[in-house]
Amino acid sequence: MSKLNAAQIKYYREELGLTQSELSKELGISTTMLSSIERGDRRLTPMVANKAFQKFDESRQRLARVIAELGELADGL
């Protein structure tokens, strides 16, 4: 189970360059609900936290693959 909190949701969303609208669609919640969660006006449910963790973890894994591929390309130079 993830240990994400509301502040981390906002931080990682912004780091990935996602809008609230984009992330809320991926999480299956409204933009208004995501905004309220990020402001601390609504409680972050375990279901939403887990979905966000999965989204952020998928992005981390994609980035790791890209970095590995770039390393292989650099080694071939």
Protein backbone atom coordinates (compact mmCIF):
# COMPACT_ATOMS: atom_id res chain seq x y z
CA MET A 1 0.00 0.00 0.00
CA SER A 2 1.28 3.49 -0.80
CA LYS A 3 2.16 6.12 1.76
CA LEU A 4 1.50 9.13 -0.49
CA ASN A 5 0.00 12.22 1.08
CA ALA A 6 -1.81 15.15 -0.55
CA ALA A 7 1.30 17.34 -0.76
CA GLN A 8 3.21 14.55 -2.51
CA ILE A 9 0.39 14.04 -5.00
CA LYS A 10 0.67 17.70 -6.01
CA TYR A 11 4.48 17.64 -6.05
CA TYR A 12 4.75 14.54 -8.27
CA ARG A 13 1.94 15.72 -10.53
CA GLU A 14 3.77 18.99 -11.13
CA GLU A 15 7.14 17.24 -11.56
CA LEU A 16 5.60 15.05 -14.29
CA GLY A 17 4.13 18.12 -15.96
CA LEU A 18 0.57 16.89 -15.55
CA THR A 19 -2.39 19.19 -15.11
CA GLN A 20 -4.99 18.46 -12.47
CA SER A 21 -7.37 17.60 -15.29
CA GLU A 22 -4.98 15.05 -16.79
CA LEU A 23 -4.19 13.35 -13.49
CA SER A 24 -7.78 13.37 -12.28
CA LYS A 25 -8.84 11.52 -15.45
CA GLU A 26 -6.17 8.89 -14.84
CA LEU A 27 -7.28 8.53 -11.23
CA GLY A 28 -10.98 8.34 -12.11
CA ILE A 29 -11.94 11.37 -10.03
CA SER A 30 -13.10 14.88 -10.88
CA THR A 31 -10.70 17.77 -11.25
CA THR A 32 -12.55 19.49 -8.42
CA MET A 33 -11.95 16.52 -6.13
CA LEU A 34 -8.23 16.40 -6.98
CA SER A 35 -7.94 20.13 -6.36
CA SER A 36 -9.67 19.74 -2.98
CA ILE A 37 -7.36 16.85 -2.06
CA GLU A 38 -4.24 18.83 -3.00
CA ARG A 39 -5.42 21.82 -0.91
CA GLY A 40 -6.16 19.55 2.03
CA ASP A 41 -9.88 20.28 1.94
CA ARG A 42 -10.73 16.62 1.22
CA ARG A 43 -9.22 13.50 2.67
CA LEU A 44 -7.00 11.45 0.38
CA THR A 45 -8.63 8.03 0.23
CA PRO A 46 -6.51 4.88 0.10
CA MET A 47 -7.98 4.05 -3.33
CA VAL A 48 -6.95 7.41 -4.83
CA ALA A 49 -3.55 7.25 -3.12
CA ASN A 50 -2.92 3.78 -4.56
CA LYS A 51 -3.98 4.83 -8.06
CA ALA A 52 -1.68 7.86 -7.88
CA PHE A 53 1.18 5.72 -6.61
CA GLN A 54 0.70 3.33 -9.55
CA LYS A 55 0.67 6.23 -12.03
CA PHE A 56 3.81 7.78 -10.56
CA ASP A 57 5.55 4.38 -10.39
CA GLU A 58 4.75 3.71 -14.06
CA SER A 59 6.29 7.08 -14.94
CA ARG A 60 9.38 6.26 -12.84
CA GLN A 61 9.78 2.91 -14.61
CA ARG A 62 9.48 4.54 -18.05
CA LEU A 63 12.10 7.10 -17.09
CA ALA A 64 14.45 4.37 -15.85
CA ARG A 65 14.12 2.54 -19.20
CA VAL A 66 14.87 5.73 -21.14
CA ILE A 67 17.94 6.41 -18.98
CA ALA A 68 19.19 2.85 -19.53
CA GLU A 69 18.69 3.16 -23.29
CA LEU A 70 20.54 6.48 -23.35
CA GLY A 71 23.38 4.88 -21.41
CA GLU A 72 23.62 2.08 -23.96
CA LEU A 73 23.64 4.59 -26.81
CA ALA A 74 26.36 6.63 -25.10
CA ASP A 75 28.45 3.49 -24.58
CA GLY A 76 28.27 2.84 -28.32
CA LEU A 77 29.78 6.21 -29.22
